[in-house]
N, C-alpha and C. Protein backbone atom coordinates (compact mmCIF):
# COMPACT_ATOMS: atom_id res chain seq x y z
N MET A 1 26.28 8.07 -24.01
CA MET A 1 25.08 8.70 -23.43
C MET A 1 25.99 10.10 -22.39
N HIS A 2 25.19 11.22 -22.68
CA HIS A 2 26.01 12.18 -21.70
C HIS A 2 25.34 12.34 -20.27
N LEU A 3 26.06 12.89 -19.80
CA LEU A 3 25.86 12.94 -18.13
C LEU A 3 24.15 13.17 -17.87
N SER A 4 23.76 14.27 -19.08
CA SER A 4 22.34 14.47 -18.64
C SER A 4 21.36 13.08 -18.75
N GLY A 5 22.10 11.87 -19.00
CA GLY A 5 21.20 10.93 -19.28
C GLY A 5 20.97 10.40 -17.40
N MET A 6 22.24 10.73 -16.65
CA MET A 6 22.15 10.22 -15.58
C MET A 6 21.13 11.42 -14.71
N VAL A 7 21.20 12.47 -15.21
CA VAL A 7 20.27 13.59 -14.48
C VAL A 7 18.43 13.29 -14.90
N TYR A 8 18.65 12.65 -16.08
CA TYR A 8 17.50 12.88 -16.76
C TYR A 8 16.65 11.29 -16.00
N PHE A 9 17.53 10.44 -15.52
CA PHE A 9 17.12 9.09 -15.12
C PHE A 9 16.03 9.26 -13.95
N GLY A 10 16.34 10.22 -13.18
CA GLY A 10 15.38 10.77 -12.09
C GLY A 10 15.62 10.14 -10.88
N GLY A 11 15.94 8.55 -11.27
CA GLY A 11 16.32 7.83 -9.90
C GLY A 11 14.85 7.26 -8.90
N PHE A 12 15.30 7.76 -7.64
CA PHE A 12 14.47 7.72 -6.49
C PHE A 12 13.35 7.82 -7.05
N SER A 13 12.69 9.11 -7.35
CA SER A 13 11.22 9.64 -7.49
C SER A 13 10.79 8.72 -8.17
N ASN A 14 11.71 8.13 -9.69
CA ASN A 14 11.06 7.48 -10.61
C ASN A 14 10.55 6.14 -9.89
N LEU A 15 11.38 5.89 -9.24
CA LEU A 15 11.05 4.47 -9.07
C LEU A 15 9.92 4.41 -7.61
N LEU A 16 10.09 5.40 -6.81
CA LEU A 16 8.41 5.51 -5.99
C LEU A 16 7.09 5.61 -6.50
N LEU A 17 7.27 6.81 -8.10
CA LEU A 17 6.23 6.77 -8.86
C LEU A 17 5.78 5.23 -9.11
N SER A 18 6.84 4.67 -9.77
CA SER A 18 6.52 3.41 -10.55
C SER A 18 5.76 2.74 -9.22
N PHE A 19 6.11 2.21 -7.91
CA PHE A 19 6.11 1.56 -7.19
C PHE A 19 4.53 1.98 -6.75
N GLY A 20 4.38 3.48 -6.57
CA GLY A 20 3.03 3.59 -5.46
C GLY A 20 2.16 3.57 -6.63
N ASN A 21 2.11 4.07 -7.98
CA ASN A 21 1.33 3.74 -8.82
C ASN A 21 0.92 2.55 -9.55
N GLN A 22 1.50 1.86 -9.73
CA GLN A 22 1.42 0.33 -10.07
C GLN A 22 1.41 -0.76 -9.14
N VAL A 23 2.33 -0.73 -8.19
CA VAL A 23 2.23 -1.55 -7.38
C VAL A 23 1.27 -1.95 -6.45
N TYR A 24 1.66 -0.46 -5.37
CA TYR A 24 0.77 -0.48 -4.35
C TYR A 24 -0.65 -0.41 -4.65
N HIS A 25 -1.27 0.69 -5.35
CA HIS A 25 -2.15 0.68 -6.03
C HIS A 25 -3.16 -0.52 -6.45
N SER A 26 -2.75 -1.03 -7.29
CA SER A 26 -3.26 -2.27 -8.13
C SER A 26 -2.98 -3.32 -6.82
N ALA A 27 -2.44 -3.69 -5.76
CA ALA A 27 -2.03 -4.95 -4.94
C ALA A 27 -3.10 -4.12 -4.03
N TRP A 28 -3.28 -3.04 -3.65
CA TRP A 28 -3.84 -2.47 -2.56
C TRP A 28 -5.76 -3.11 -3.20
N ARG A 29 -5.92 -2.60 -4.21
CA ARG A 29 -7.49 -2.74 -4.72
C ARG A 29 -7.87 -4.33 -4.85
N GLU A 30 -6.63 -5.26 -5.20
CA GLU A 30 -7.01 -6.44 -5.31
C GLU A 30 -7.12 -7.35 -3.86
N LEU A 31 -6.19 -6.67 -2.91
CA LEU A 31 -6.34 -7.13 -1.53
C LEU A 31 -7.66 -6.59 -0.93
N CYS A 32 -8.40 -5.40 -1.16
CA CYS A 32 -9.71 -5.16 -0.84
C CYS A 32 -10.96 -6.04 -1.66
N GLU A 33 -10.45 -5.94 -2.53
CA GLU A 33 -11.62 -7.29 -3.26
C GLU A 33 -11.72 -8.50 -2.67
N GLY A 34 -10.15 -8.95 -2.67
CA GLY A 34 -10.05 -10.59 -1.83
C GLY A 34 -10.89 -10.25 -0.50
N MET A 35 -10.66 -9.59 0.25
CA MET A 35 -10.91 -9.25 1.88
C MET A 35 -12.92 -9.40 1.66
N ALA A 36 -13.00 -8.42 0.88
CA ALA A 36 -14.76 -7.95 0.78
C ALA A 36 -15.19 -9.78 0.37
N ALA A 37 -14.51 -10.51 -0.49
CA ALA A 37 -15.09 -11.68 -1.03
C ALA A 37 -14.92 -12.84 -0.09
N ALA A 38 -13.67 -12.61 0.90
CA ALA A 38 -13.12 -14.13 1.85
C ALA A 38 -14.22 -14.04 2.70
N GLY A 39 -14.83 -15.65 2.73
CA GLY A 39 -15.72 -16.09 3.73
C GLY A 39 -15.14 -16.52 4.88
N SER A 40 -14.05 -16.71 5.22
CA SER A 40 -13.76 -17.06 6.69
C SER A 40 -12.28 -16.62 6.45
N LEU A 41 -11.78 -17.16 7.85
CA LEU A 41 -10.52 -16.33 8.02
C LEU A 41 -9.49 -17.09 7.75
N ASP A 42 -9.29 -18.13 7.34
CA ASP A 42 -8.33 -18.60 6.17
C ASP A 42 -8.29 -18.17 5.28
N GLU A 43 -9.66 -17.53 4.62
CA GLU A 43 -9.46 -16.98 3.41
C GLU A 43 -8.72 -15.61 3.31
N VAL A 44 -9.10 -14.70 4.69
CA VAL A 44 -8.61 -13.58 4.91
C VAL A 44 -7.47 -13.69 4.89
N ILE A 45 -6.49 -14.95 5.75
CA ILE A 45 -5.38 -14.94 5.91
C ILE A 45 -4.70 -14.87 4.45
N GLU A 46 -5.48 -16.04 3.60
CA GLU A 46 -4.72 -16.37 2.21
C GLU A 46 -4.60 -14.88 1.16
N VAL A 47 -5.66 -14.42 1.25
CA VAL A 47 -5.92 -13.08 0.40
C VAL A 47 -4.62 -12.25 0.75
N HIS A 48 -4.35 -12.27 2.40
CA HIS A 48 -3.25 -11.41 2.83
C HIS A 48 -1.82 -11.64 2.26
N GLU A 49 -1.81 -12.78 2.25
CA GLU A 49 -0.22 -13.55 2.07
C GLU A 49 -0.16 -13.33 0.29
N ALA A 50 -1.35 -13.21 -0.24
CA ALA A 50 -1.10 -13.16 -1.94
C ALA A 50 -0.86 -11.73 -1.84
N TYR A 51 -1.21 -10.69 -1.13
CA TYR A 51 -0.94 -9.48 -1.04
C TYR A 51 0.25 -8.99 -0.91
N LEU A 52 1.14 -9.74 0.34
CA LEU A 52 2.17 -9.45 0.59
C LEU A 52 3.38 -10.09 -0.55
N LEU A 53 2.99 -11.32 -1.12
CA LEU A 53 4.13 -11.83 -2.35
C LEU A 53 3.81 -10.76 -3.30
N THR A 54 2.79 -10.32 -3.78
CA THR A 54 2.51 -9.46 -5.06
C THR A 54 3.32 -8.21 -4.80
N ILE A 55 3.23 -7.52 -3.81
CA ILE A 55 3.86 -6.60 -3.31
C ILE A 55 5.70 -6.97 -3.35
N HIS A 56 5.71 -8.24 -2.69
CA HIS A 56 7.43 -8.33 -2.70
C HIS A 56 8.04 -8.78 -4.54
N ARG A 57 7.14 -9.04 -4.86
CA ARG A 57 7.86 -9.79 -6.22
C ARG A 57 7.86 -8.38 -7.14
N GLN A 58 6.89 -7.49 -7.06
CA GLN A 58 6.60 -6.23 -7.84
C GLN A 58 7.65 -5.24 -7.54
N CYS A 59 8.44 -5.28 -6.05
CA CYS A 59 9.12 -4.54 -5.66
C CYS A 59 10.59 -5.33 -5.59
N PHE A 60 10.40 -6.53 -6.35
CA PHE A 60 12.21 -7.11 -6.33
C PHE A 60 12.51 -7.54 -5.12
N VAL A 61 11.75 -7.81 -4.40
CA VAL A 61 12.37 -8.34 -2.80
C VAL A 61 12.04 -9.67 -2.99
N ALA A 62 11.23 -10.47 -3.59
CA ALA A 62 11.11 -11.94 -3.79
C ALA A 62 11.91 -12.41 -3.70
N PRO A 63 12.37 -14.13 -3.15
CA PRO A 63 13.68 -14.78 -3.70
C PRO A 63 13.26 -15.57 -5.03
N ASP A 64 13.36 -14.48 -6.09
CA ASP A 64 13.62 -15.26 -7.37
C ASP A 64 14.80 -14.37 -8.00
N LYS A 65 15.59 -15.10 -8.85
CA LYS A 65 16.82 -14.80 -9.27
C LYS A 65 16.74 -13.69 -10.41
N LEU A 66 15.78 -13.38 -10.95
CA LEU A 66 15.58 -12.43 -11.84
C LEU A 66 15.06 -11.18 -11.15
N TRP A 67 14.13 -11.53 -10.20
CA TRP A 67 14.14 -9.84 -9.46
C TRP A 67 15.13 -9.62 -8.58
N ALA A 68 15.89 -10.30 -8.46
CA ALA A 68 17.14 -10.02 -7.55
C ALA A 68 18.41 -9.31 -8.54
N LEU A 69 18.43 -9.79 -9.80
CA LEU A 69 18.98 -8.94 -10.23
C LEU A 69 18.53 -7.63 -10.90
N ILE A 70 17.62 -7.77 -11.29
CA ILE A 70 17.07 -6.40 -11.50
C ILE A 70 16.98 -5.36 -10.37
N ALA A 71 16.61 -6.04 -9.23
CA ALA A 71 17.09 -4.92 -7.76
C ALA A 71 18.29 -4.69 -7.78
N SER A 72 19.60 -5.90 -8.01
CA SER A 72 20.91 -5.10 -7.84
C SER A 72 21.22 -4.31 -8.82
N ARG A 73 20.24 -4.22 -10.17
CA ARG A 73 21.17 -3.03 -11.28
C ARG A 73 20.39 -1.86 -10.57
N ILE A 74 19.18 -1.44 -10.22
CA ILE A 74 18.74 -0.60 -9.52
C ILE A 74 19.39 -0.01 -8.47
N ASN A 75 19.50 -0.79 -7.36
CA ASN A 75 20.76 -0.58 -6.73
C ASN A 75 21.84 0.25 -7.38
N ASN A 76 22.40 -0.46 -7.94
CA ASN A 76 24.05 0.16 -8.58
C ASN A 76 23.23 1.68 -9.35
N ILE A 77 22.56 1.59 -9.91
CA ILE A 77 22.25 2.59 -10.57
C ILE A 77 22.21 4.04 -9.26
N LEU A 78 20.77 3.69 -8.44
CA LEU A 78 21.21 4.86 -7.46
C LEU A 78 22.32 4.79 -6.91
N ALA A 79 23.20 3.88 -6.68
CA ALA A 79 24.41 4.15 -5.79
C ALA A 79 25.48 4.96 -7.07
N LEU A 80 25.22 5.07 -8.09
CA LEU A 80 26.30 5.76 -9.29
C LEU A 80 25.56 7.28 -9.44
N ALA A 81 24.32 7.54 -9.28
CA ALA A 81 23.59 8.77 -8.68
C ALA A 81 24.50 9.40 -8.11
N LEU A 82 24.58 8.51 -6.54
CA LEU A 82 25.07 9.21 -5.23
C LEU A 82 26.51 9.76 -5.64
N ASP A 83 27.16 8.60 -6.28
CA ASP A 83 28.59 9.29 -6.77
C ASP A 83 28.80 10.12 -7.30
N PHE A 84 28.00 10.32 -8.58
CA PHE A 84 27.66 11.40 -9.60
C PHE A 84 27.95 12.81 -8.57
N TYR A 85 26.48 12.48 -7.82
CA TYR A 85 26.30 14.18 -7.09
C TYR A 85 27.80 14.39 -6.11
N SER A 86 28.32 13.53 -5.49
CA SER A 86 29.23 13.81 -4.81
C SER A 86 30.66 14.29 -5.64
N LEU A 87 30.95 14.00 -6.97
CA LEU A 87 31.89 14.52 -7.58
C LEU A 87 31.59 15.54 -8.06
N GLN A 88 30.43 15.94 -8.32
CA GLN A 88 30.08 16.85 -8.84
C GLN A 88 29.96 18.01 -7.96
N GLN A 89 29.69 18.00 -6.42
CA GLN A 89 30.02 19.02 -5.84
C GLN A 89 31.20 19.20 -5.31
N THR A 90 31.93 18.23 -5.54
CA THR A 90 33.26 18.33 -5.50
C THR A 90 34.02 19.60 -6.64
N LEU A 91 33.75 19.21 -7.73
CA LEU A 91 34.02 19.62 -8.97
C LEU A 91 33.34 21.14 -9.00
N SER A 92 32.24 21.48 -8.70
CA SER A 92 31.78 22.94 -8.50
C SER A 92 32.21 23.81 -7.26
N SER A 93 32.85 23.16 -6.19
CA SER A 93 33.06 23.83 -5.27
C SER A 93 34.46 24.71 -5.54
N GLY A 94 34.82 25.95 -5.67
CA GLY A 94 35.51 26.87 -6.28
C GLY A 94 37.08 26.36 -5.54
N GLY A 95 37.37 25.41 -4.38
CA GLY A 95 38.66 25.54 -3.77
C GLY A 95 39.66 24.38 -3.81
N ALA A 96 38.79 23.52 -4.56
CA ALA A 96 39.48 22.26 -5.27
C ALA A 96 40.53 22.64 -6.19
N VAL A 97 41.79 21.75 -5.67
CA VAL A 97 42.93 21.95 -6.70
C VAL A 97 42.63 20.80 -7.85
N SER A 98 43.77 21.39 -8.80
CA SER A 98 43.68 21.01 -10.13
C SER A 98 43.89 19.54 -9.97
N ALA A 99 44.64 18.97 -9.22
CA ALA A 99 45.02 17.50 -9.28
C ALA A 99 43.50 16.73 -9.08
N ILE A 100 42.94 17.36 -7.89
CA ILE A 100 41.67 16.72 -7.18
C ILE A 100 40.70 16.39 -8.47
N LYS A 101 40.58 17.82 -9.19
CA LYS A 101 39.54 18.10 -10.07
C LYS A 101 40.13 17.06 -11.40
N ALA A 102 41.25 16.67 -11.66
CA ALA A 102 41.61 15.72 -12.62
C ALA A 102 41.15 14.66 -12.52
N ARG A 103 41.38 14.24 -10.86
CA ARG A 103 40.91 12.96 -10.35
C ARG A 103 39.47 12.48 -10.70
N CYS A 104 38.70 13.55 -10.17
CA CYS A 104 37.36 13.80 -9.96
C CYS A 104 36.79 13.21 -11.49
N GLU A 105 37.47 14.16 -12.66
CA GLU A 105 36.83 14.04 -14.00
C GLU A 105 37.30 12.65 -14.28
N MET A 106 38.37 11.97 -13.94
CA MET A 106 38.39 10.68 -14.62
C MET A 106 37.34 9.83 -13.50
N GLU A 107 36.94 10.35 -12.40
CA GLU A 107 35.96 9.13 -11.78
C GLU A 107 34.41 9.82 -12.74
N VAL A 108 34.34 10.53 -12.95
CA VAL A 108 33.02 11.30 -13.56
C VAL A 108 33.07 10.41 -14.83
N ASP A 109 33.88 10.29 -15.57
CA ASP A 109 33.70 9.39 -16.71
C ASP A 109 33.62 7.82 -16.45
N ARG A 110 34.26 7.42 -15.21
CA ARG A 110 34.07 6.00 -14.83
C ARG A 110 32.08 5.69 -14.48
N VAL A 111 32.23 6.86 -13.48
CA VAL A 111 31.16 6.57 -13.25
C VAL A 111 29.70 6.32 -14.25
N GLU A 112 30.14 7.32 -15.58
CA GLU A 112 29.23 7.60 -16.40
C GLU A 112 29.33 6.44 -17.59
N LYS A 113 30.50 5.35 -17.61
CA LYS A 113 30.41 4.27 -18.37
C LYS A 113 29.71 3.13 -17.64
N GLN A 114 29.85 3.40 -16.39
CA GLN A 114 28.82 2.32 -15.31
C GLN A 114 27.50 2.53 -15.21
N PHE A 115 27.34 3.65 -15.04
CA PHE A 115 25.87 4.15 -15.48
C PHE A 115 25.25 3.64 -17.01
N ASP A 116 25.78 4.16 -18.08
CA ASP A 116 25.23 3.67 -18.96
C ASP A 116 25.10 2.14 -19.45
N ASP A 117 26.22 1.18 -18.89
CA ASP A 117 26.17 -0.19 -18.77
C ASP A 117 25.13 -0.55 -17.72
N CYS A 118 24.61 -0.25 -16.75
CA CYS A 118 23.73 -0.34 -15.94
C CYS A 118 22.31 -0.31 -16.41
N ILE A 119 22.11 0.98 -17.24
CA ILE A 119 21.00 1.22 -17.55
C ILE A 119 20.79 0.35 -18.50
N ALA A 120 21.40 0.50 -19.71
CA ALA A 120 21.38 -0.21 -20.65
C ALA A 120 20.94 -2.26 -20.61
N PHE A 121 21.84 -2.75 -19.38
CA PHE A 121 21.34 -4.49 -18.79
C PHE A 121 20.11 -4.08 -18.64
N LEU A 122 19.63 -2.95 -17.60
CA LEU A 122 18.17 -3.04 -16.81
C LEU A 122 17.54 -2.85 -17.80
N LEU A 123 17.59 -1.83 -18.75
CA LEU A 123 16.36 -1.66 -20.11
C LEU A 123 16.14 -3.17 -20.70
N ARG A 124 17.53 -3.80 -20.95
CA ARG A 124 17.34 -4.86 -21.65
C ARG A 124 16.15 -6.05 -21.05
N VAL A 125 16.70 -6.03 -19.83
CA VAL A 125 15.89 -7.29 -19.11
C VAL A 125 14.84 -6.83 -18.91
N LEU A 126 14.50 -5.95 -18.54
CA LEU A 126 12.95 -5.69 -18.35
C LEU A 126 12.11 -5.71 -19.74
N SER A 127 12.75 -5.22 -21.12
CA SER A 127 12.29 -5.11 -22.24
C SER A 127 12.23 -6.65 -22.49
N PHE A 128 12.62 -7.66 -22.19
CA PHE A 128 12.77 -8.85 -22.61
C PHE A 128 11.62 -9.55 -21.50
N LYS A 129 11.73 -9.05 -20.04
CA LYS A 129 10.63 -9.75 -20.06
C LYS A 129 9.43 -9.24 -19.72
N LEU A 130 8.87 -7.91 -20.51
CA LEU A 130 7.66 -7.75 -20.81
C LEU A 130 7.43 -8.49 -22.20
N ASN A 131 8.87 -8.75 -23.16
CA ASN A 131 8.15 -9.22 -24.18
C ASN A 131 7.58 -10.75 -23.97
N VAL A 132 8.10 -11.45 -23.03
CA VAL A 132 7.18 -12.64 -22.54
C VAL A 132 6.30 -13.12 -21.80
N GLY A 133 5.85 -11.76 -21.37
CA GLY A 133 4.77 -11.94 -20.12
C GLY A 133 3.99 -10.89 -20.49
N HIS A 134 2.97 -10.66 -19.33
CA HIS A 134 1.96 -9.49 -18.91
C HIS A 134 2.65 -8.94 -17.80
N PHE A 135 3.20 -8.14 -18.17
CA PHE A 135 3.62 -7.74 -16.39
C PHE A 135 3.54 -5.67 -16.36
N PRO A 136 2.44 -5.67 -16.04
CA PRO A 136 2.00 -3.94 -16.01
C PRO A 136 2.88 -3.36 -14.91
N HIS A 137 3.43 -3.59 -14.41
CA HIS A 137 4.22 -2.68 -13.07
C HIS A 137 5.58 -2.83 -13.93
N LEU A 138 6.64 -3.50 -14.66
CA LEU A 138 7.62 -3.16 -15.31
C LEU A 138 7.23 -2.67 -16.33
N ALA A 139 6.13 -2.66 -16.94
CA ALA A 139 6.02 -1.76 -18.49
C ALA A 139 5.89 -0.23 -17.61
N ASP A 140 5.06 0.18 -16.49
CA ASP A 140 5.25 1.49 -15.83
C ASP A 140 6.42 1.69 -15.74
N LEU A 141 7.46 0.87 -15.18
CA LEU A 141 8.87 1.13 -14.98
C LEU A 141 9.81 1.72 -15.81
N VAL A 142 9.26 0.93 -16.75
CA VAL A 142 10.24 1.20 -18.06
C VAL A 142 9.80 2.37 -18.72
N THR A 143 8.48 2.67 -19.24
CA THR A 143 8.00 3.80 -19.25
C THR A 143 8.60 5.30 -18.72
N ARG A 144 8.57 4.74 -17.19
CA ARG A 144 9.11 6.13 -16.24
C ARG A 144 10.53 6.22 -16.72
N ILE A 145 11.52 4.98 -16.68
CA ILE A 145 13.00 5.03 -16.91
C ILE A 145 13.07 5.81 -18.15
N ASN A 146 12.33 5.14 -19.16
CA ASN A 146 13.15 5.37 -20.42
C ASN A 146 12.04 6.44 -21.34
N TYR A 147 11.26 7.54 -20.48
CA TYR A 147 10.45 8.68 -20.82
C TYR A 147 10.65 9.00 -21.87
N ASN A 148 9.92 9.35 -23.11
CA ASN A 148 9.93 9.68 -24.26
C ASN A 148 11.34 8.94 -25.30
N ASN A 149 11.74 7.97 -24.69
CA ASN A 149 12.76 6.98 -25.35
C ASN A 149 13.78 7.51 -25.34
N PHE A 150 14.38 8.19 -24.13
CA PHE A 150 15.57 8.69 -23.99
C PHE A 150 16.51 7.67 -23.91
N TYR A 151 16.71 6.67 -23.11
CA TYR A 151 17.34 5.71 -23.33
C TYR A 151 17.53 4.53 -24.31
N MET A 152 16.46 4.19 -24.83
CA MET A 152 15.88 3.06 -25.73
C MET A 152 15.03 3.54 -26.53
N SER A 153 15.13 3.19 -27.98
CA SER A 153 14.33 3.26 -29.22
C SER A 153 12.99 2.54 -28.98
N ASP A 154 11.76 2.46 -29.58
CA ASP A 154 10.63 1.54 -29.04
C ASP A 154 11.29 0.20 -29.93
N GLY A 155 12.30 0.19 -30.66
CA GLY A 155 12.58 -1.00 -31.72
C GLY A 155 13.59 -1.53 -30.49
N GLY A 156 14.33 -0.98 -29.30
CA GLY A 156 14.57 -1.58 -28.81
C GLY A 156 16.21 -1.28 -28.94
N ASN A 157 16.99 -0.36 -29.80
CA ASN A 157 17.72 -0.13 -29.82
C ASN A 157 18.47 1.34 -28.86
N LEU A 158 19.86 1.33 -28.05
CA LEU A 158 20.04 1.80 -27.11
C LEU A 158 20.33 3.35 -27.84
N MET A 159 20.20 4.77 -26.89
CA MET A 159 20.51 5.63 -27.64
C MET A 159 21.81 5.81 -26.94
N THR A 160 22.81 6.30 -28.18
CA THR A 160 23.94 6.60 -27.45
C THR A 160 24.64 8.12 -27.75
N ALA A 161 25.29 8.22 -27.12
CA ALA A 161 25.93 9.70 -27.20
C ALA A 161 27.60 9.67 -27.64
N PRO A 162 27.81 10.87 -28.67
CA PRO A 162 29.15 10.65 -28.62
C PRO A 162 30.29 10.41 -27.91
N SER A 163 31.21 9.14 -28.10
CA SER A 163 31.77 8.51 -27.42
C SER A 163 33.33 9.92 -26.95
N SER A 164 33.64 11.20 -27.82
CA SER A 164 34.37 11.47 -27.69
C SER A 164 34.18 12.79 -26.77
N GLU A 165 33.02 12.91 -26.07
CA GLU A 165 32.78 13.89 -24.64
C GLU A 165 32.79 12.93 -23.91
N THR A 166 34.42 13.15 -23.37
CA THR A 166 34.81 12.68 -21.93
C THR A 166 34.53 13.74 -21.11
N ALA A 167 34.77 13.71 -19.65
CA ALA A 167 35.04 14.71 -18.66
C ALA A 167 36.07 15.53 -19.21
N ALA A 168 37.20 14.93 -19.97
CA ALA A 168 38.46 16.27 -20.23
C ALA A 168 37.55 16.82 -20.92
N ALA A 169 36.75 16.81 -22.09
CA ALA A 169 36.38 17.49 -23.16
C ALA A 169 35.42 18.58 -22.36
N ARG A 170 34.78 18.05 -21.34
CA ARG A 170 33.83 18.81 -20.72
C ARG A 170 34.38 19.81 -19.68
N LEU A 171 35.85 20.03 -19.68
CA LEU A 171 36.48 20.57 -18.71
C LEU A 171 36.40 21.84 -19.00
N GLY A 172 35.80 22.86 -17.50
CA GLY A 172 35.20 23.88 -17.61
C GLY A 172 33.66 24.24 -17.66
N LYS A 173 32.88 23.18 -18.23
CA LYS A 173 31.76 23.18 -18.74
C LYS A 173 30.92 22.98 -17.34
N PRO A 174 29.96 23.36 -16.86
CA PRO A 174 29.48 23.16 -15.34
C PRO A 174 28.49 21.80 -16.05
N PHE A 175 28.36 21.24 -14.79
CA PHE A 175 27.47 20.15 -14.95
C PHE A 175 25.70 20.24 -14.82
N ALA A 176 25.04 19.57 -15.20
CA ALA A 176 23.61 20.04 -14.91
C ALA A 176 23.37 19.45 -13.58
N SER A 177 22.83 20.39 -12.73
CA SER A 177 22.26 19.90 -11.53
C SER A 177 20.50 19.26 -11.56
C-alpha cells in the first residue's frame, strides 16, 4: 500500500461520519419511537437502557471481545496516522539533518507496514462479521473506510501496492498532505 492509503483512510472524520450517520441517528430514532410507545416509567427506563446498549455496541465500547478487538484496531490505525503525521512534519522541515531523515524514513516504512496490516485485519474482520449477520452500522463503516474499493475489492481481495516502493525509494518525493 502506498502512503496515499493512509491519507485516503481519512481516519477520524470517517469514523465520526459513520457513527453519526448510522449509529446515533438510527439509535435516536428507535429511542424516540420506544419512548412514544412506553406506557410506564419502567418501560421508559427499559427503552433508554436498550438505547445506551445499542450505542455502546455499535461504537465498539460494549464488553464484547469482538467489539473490543475492532476498537483496538481502529485505535491502532488512528495512532499510526498520528505517527505518520509527526514523521511527515519532521521530514518536510528544511532543517532536519540527513541522519534524522534516514531514521524517519525507516520509521515511515514501519508505520506504513503496520498501517497496511491493521487495515487489512480490520477490513477482514468487518467483512466476516457482515457475511454472518445484518449489521448496517458495520456496512456503513466498511463503505466509508473502503470507499471505491481502495483497500479491498468486492470479492474480499486486498489491494496492494508494489513492495519496491519504500521510503528510501521515495527519497526526495514530497509526502501527500
